[in-house]
Amino acid sequence: QDNMAFTGKYEVESDENYDDFMKKIGIPSDIIEKGRNFKIVSEVVQNGDEFTWSQHYPGGHSMSNKFTIGKEADLEAVGGKKFKATVKMEDGKIVADFPNYHHTAEISGGKLVEVSS
């Protein structure tokens, strides 16, 4: 896996179990409704083990996390909650434990596939 494999811009194409997940992490239902059809763009800049992972929302709002694989970082979750976590790389997947969910991301067929559970 080359050291820039994740670099790129990715638009959300599908959202499976969106409602259940948003409820699980405590997002209010009016926000869930608003966000349902948003075209969110994830922008990833990878330089070796260092990442800047940004999400651009309609209306100009962005959220960005910077982290280095294997080192504890200050991160921000969906909904704005700040927390510390160590992001790992396992079998080419980025793996992180957020406050109330487990997140993985990988590049598959040129697409960014993210799973939160």
C-alpha atoms as a PDB file:
ATOM      1  CA  GLN A   1       0.000   0.000   0.000  1.00  0.00           C
ATOM      2  CA  ASP A   2       1.615   3.260  -1.053  1.00  0.00           C
ATOM      3  CA  ASN A   3       1.896   6.092   1.405  1.00  0.00           C
ATOM      4  CA  MET A   4      -0.673   8.288  -0.337  1.00  0.00           C
ATOM      5  CA  ALA A   5      -3.277   5.608  -1.059  1.00  0.00           C
ATOM      6  CA  PHE A   6      -6.054   7.466   0.764  1.00  0.00           C
ATOM      7  CA  THR A   7      -5.411  10.915  -0.738  1.00  0.00           C
ATOM      8  CA  GLY A   8      -8.392  12.248  -2.692  1.00  0.00           C
ATOM      9  CA  LYS A   9     -11.879  13.758  -2.565  1.00  0.00           C
ATOM     10  CA  TYR A  10     -14.825  11.431  -2.162  1.00  0.00           C
ATOM     11  CA  GLU A  11     -18.517  12.311  -2.365  1.00  0.00           C
ATOM     12  CA  VAL A  12     -20.971  10.296  -0.313  1.00  0.00           C
ATOM     13  CA  GLU A  13     -22.764   7.956  -2.716  1.00  0.00           C
ATOM     14  CA  SER A  14     -24.826   5.895  -0.320  1.00  0.00           C
ATOM     15  CA  ASP A  15     -25.665   5.883   3.362  1.00  0.00           C
ATOM     16  CA  GLU A  16     -26.819   2.574   4.785  1.00  0.00           C
ATOM     17  CA  ASN A  17     -28.528   2.565   8.203  1.00  0.00           C
ATOM     18  CA  TYR A  18     -28.088   6.351   8.424  1.00  0.00           C
ATOM     19  CA  ASP A  19     -31.048   6.960  10.774  1.00  0.00           C
ATOM     20  CA  ASP A  20     -30.210   4.159  13.200  1.00  0.00           C
ATOM     21  CA  PHE A  21     -26.583   5.222  13.436  1.00  0.00           C
ATOM     22  CA  MET A  22     -27.343   8.928  13.952  1.00  0.00           C
ATOM     23  CA  LYS A  23     -29.874   8.081  16.682  1.00  0.00           C
ATOM     24  CA  LYS A  24     -27.360   5.749  18.342  1.00  0.00           C
ATOM     25  CA  ILE A  25     -24.775   8.535  18.640  1.00  0.00           C
ATOM     26  CA  GLY A  26     -27.356  11.002  19.956  1.00  0.00           C
ATOM     27  CA  ILE A  27     -27.962  13.333  16.996  1.00  0.00           C
ATOM     28  CA  PRO A  28     -31.382  15.106  17.301  1.00  0.00           C
ATOM     29  CA  SER A  29     -34.040  13.988  14.806  1.00  0.00           C
ATOM     30  CA  ASP A  30     -34.380  17.414  13.129  1.00  0.00           C
ATOM     31  CA  ILE A  31     -30.643  17.366  12.337  1.00  0.00           C
ATOM     32  CA  ILE A  32     -30.917  13.762  11.090  1.00  0.00           C
ATOM     33  CA  GLU A  33     -33.699  14.864   8.743  1.00  0.00           C
ATOM     34  CA  LYS A  34     -31.689  17.840   7.440  1.00  0.00           C
ATOM     35  CA  GLY A  35     -28.584  15.771   6.865  1.00  0.00           C
ATOM     36  CA  ARG A  36     -30.267  12.906   5.077  1.00  0.00           C
ATOM     37  CA  ASN A  37     -29.781  14.184   1.531  1.00  0.00           C
ATOM     38  CA  PHE A  38     -26.643  16.237   2.055  1.00  0.00           C
ATOM     39  CA  LYS A  39     -23.875  15.684  -0.428  1.00  0.00           C
ATOM     40  CA  ILE A  40     -20.968  15.405   1.977  1.00  0.00           C
ATOM     41  CA  VAL A  41     -17.480  15.406   0.502  1.00  0.00           C
ATOM     42  CA  SER A  42     -14.658  13.717   2.395  1.00  0.00           C
ATOM     43  CA  GLU A  43     -11.233  15.077   1.552  1.00  0.00           C
ATOM     44  CA  VAL A  44      -8.224  13.068   2.647  1.00  0.00           C
ATOM     45  CA  VAL A  45      -4.599  14.178   2.504  1.00  0.00           C
ATOM     46  CA  GLN A  46      -2.166  11.418   3.413  1.00  0.00           C
ATOM     47  CA  ASN A  47       1.564  11.861   3.816  1.00  0.00           C
ATOM     48  CA  GLY A  48       2.976   8.537   4.990  1.00  0.00           C
ATOM     49  CA  ASP A  49       1.441   7.957   8.436  1.00  0.00           C
ATOM     50  CA  GLU A  50       0.124  11.523   8.751  1.00  0.00           C
ATOM     51  CA  PHE A  51      -3.440  12.306   7.747  1.00  0.00           C
ATOM     52  CA  THR A  52      -5.684  15.330   7.441  1.00  0.00           C
ATOM     53  CA  TRP A  53      -9.256  14.071   7.130  1.00  0.00           C
ATOM     54  CA  SER A  54     -11.856  16.728   6.307  1.00  0.00           C
ATOM     55  CA  GLN A  55     -15.571  16.606   5.707  1.00  0.00           C
ATOM     56  CA  HIS A  56     -17.196  19.399   3.741  1.00  0.00           C
ATOM     57  CA  TYR A  57     -20.920  19.954   4.271  1.00  0.00           C
ATOM     58  CA  PRO A  58     -23.342  22.056   2.199  1.00  0.00           C
ATOM     59  CA  GLY A  59     -23.393  25.709   3.200  1.00  0.00           C
ATOM     60  CA  GLY A  60     -19.649  25.922   3.706  1.00  0.00           C
ATOM     61  CA  HIS A  61     -19.336  24.097   7.052  1.00  0.00           C
ATOM     62  CA  SER A  62     -16.296  21.829   7.359  1.00  0.00           C
ATOM     63  CA  MET A  63     -14.874  19.558  10.016  1.00  0.00           C
ATOM     64  CA  SER A  64     -11.267  18.434   9.971  1.00  0.00           C
ATOM     65  CA  ASN A  65      -9.218  15.912  11.949  1.00  0.00           C
ATOM     66  CA  LYS A  66      -5.441  15.580  11.856  1.00  0.00           C
ATOM     67  CA  PHE A  67      -3.813  12.422  13.118  1.00  0.00           C
ATOM     68  CA  THR A  68      -0.751  10.202  12.833  1.00  0.00           C
ATOM     69  CA  ILE A  69      -1.171   6.425  12.691  1.00  0.00           C
ATOM     70  CA  GLY A  70      -0.295   4.872  16.056  1.00  0.00           C
ATOM     71  CA  LYS A  71      -0.232   8.146  18.024  1.00  0.00           C
ATOM     72  CA  GLU A  72      -2.935   9.578  20.263  1.00  0.00           C
ATOM     73  CA  ALA A  73      -4.676  12.546  18.652  1.00  0.00           C
ATOM     74  CA  ASP A  74      -7.335  15.104  19.537  1.00  0.00           C
ATOM     75  CA  LEU A  75     -10.279  14.331  17.269  1.00  0.00           C
ATOM     76  CA  GLU A  76     -13.795  15.628  16.687  1.00  0.00           C
ATOM     77  CA  ALA A  77     -16.765  13.309  16.164  1.00  0.00           C
ATOM     78  CA  VAL A  78     -19.958  13.834  14.182  1.00  0.00           C
ATOM     79  CA  GLY A  79     -21.976  16.316  16.232  1.00  0.00           C
ATOM     80  CA  GLY A  80     -18.889  18.194  17.408  1.00  0.00           C
ATOM     81  CA  LYS A  81     -17.848  16.080  20.396  1.00  0.00           C
ATOM     82  CA  LYS A  82     -14.094  16.342  21.064  1.00  0.00           C
ATOM     83  CA  PHE A  83     -12.162  13.291  22.249  1.00  0.00           C
ATOM     84  CA  LYS A  84      -8.751  11.604  22.222  1.00  0.00           C
ATOM     85  CA  ALA A  85      -8.085   8.422  20.275  1.00  0.00           C
ATOM     86  CA  THR A  86      -5.262   6.475  18.700  1.00  0.00           C
ATOM     87  CA  VAL A  87      -5.904   5.776  15.028  1.00  0.00           C
ATOM     88  CA  LYS A  88      -4.463   2.484  13.772  1.00  0.00           C
ATOM     89  CA  MET A  89      -3.835   0.891  10.385  1.00  0.00           C
ATOM     90  CA  GLU A  90      -4.927  -2.759  10.113  1.00  0.00           C
ATOM     91  CA  ASP A  91      -4.711  -4.654   6.805  1.00  0.00           C
ATOM     92  CA  GLY A  92      -4.818  -1.412   4.821  1.00  0.00           C
ATOM     93  CA  LYS A  93      -7.832  -0.124   6.779  1.00  0.00           C
ATOM     94  CA  ILE A  94      -7.808   2.899   9.041  1.00  0.00           C
ATOM     95  CA  VAL A  95      -9.368   1.970  12.381  1.00  0.00           C
ATOM     96  CA  ALA A  96     -10.465   4.305  15.182  1.00  0.00           C
ATOM     97  CA  ASP A  97     -12.617   4.030  18.282  1.00  0.00           C
ATOM     98  CA  PHE A  98     -14.866   7.077  18.626  1.00  0.00           C
ATOM     99  CA  PRO A  99     -16.727   7.753  21.919  1.00  0.00           C
ATOM    100  CA  ASN A 100     -19.755   5.618  21.024  1.00  0.00           C
ATOM    101  CA  TYR A 101     -18.820   3.827  17.824  1.00  0.00           C
ATOM    102  CA  HIS A 102     -16.024   1.953  16.051  1.00  0.00           C
ATOM    103  CA  HIS A 103     -14.959   3.393  12.685  1.00  0.00           C
ATOM    104  CA  THR A 104     -13.064   1.841   9.781  1.00  0.00           C
ATOM    105  CA  ALA A 105     -12.117   3.342   6.423  1.00  0.00           C
ATOM    106  CA  GLU A 106     -10.543   1.779   3.367  1.00  0.00           C
ATOM    107  CA  ILE A 107     -10.078   2.469  -0.320  1.00  0.00           C
ATOM    108  CA  SER A 108     -11.879  -0.116  -2.427  1.00  0.00           C
ATOM    109  CA  GLY A 109     -12.179   0.142  -6.201  1.00  0.00           C
ATOM    110  CA  GLY A 110     -11.136   3.796  -6.080  1.00  0.00           C
ATOM    111  CA  LYS A 111     -13.861   4.615  -3.559  1.00  0.00           C
ATOM    112  CA  LEU A 112     -13.630   5.485   0.100  1.00  0.00           C
ATOM    113  CA  VAL A 113     -15.612   2.946   2.124  1.00  0.00           C
ATOM    114  CA  GLU A 114     -16.305   3.981   5.715  1.00  0.00           C
ATOM    115  CA  VAL A 115     -18.084   1.808   8.269  1.00  0.00           C
ATOM    116  CA  SER A 116     -19.223   3.029  11.680  1.00  0.00           C
ATOM    117  CA  SER A 117     -20.702   0.508  14.078  1.00  0.00           C
END
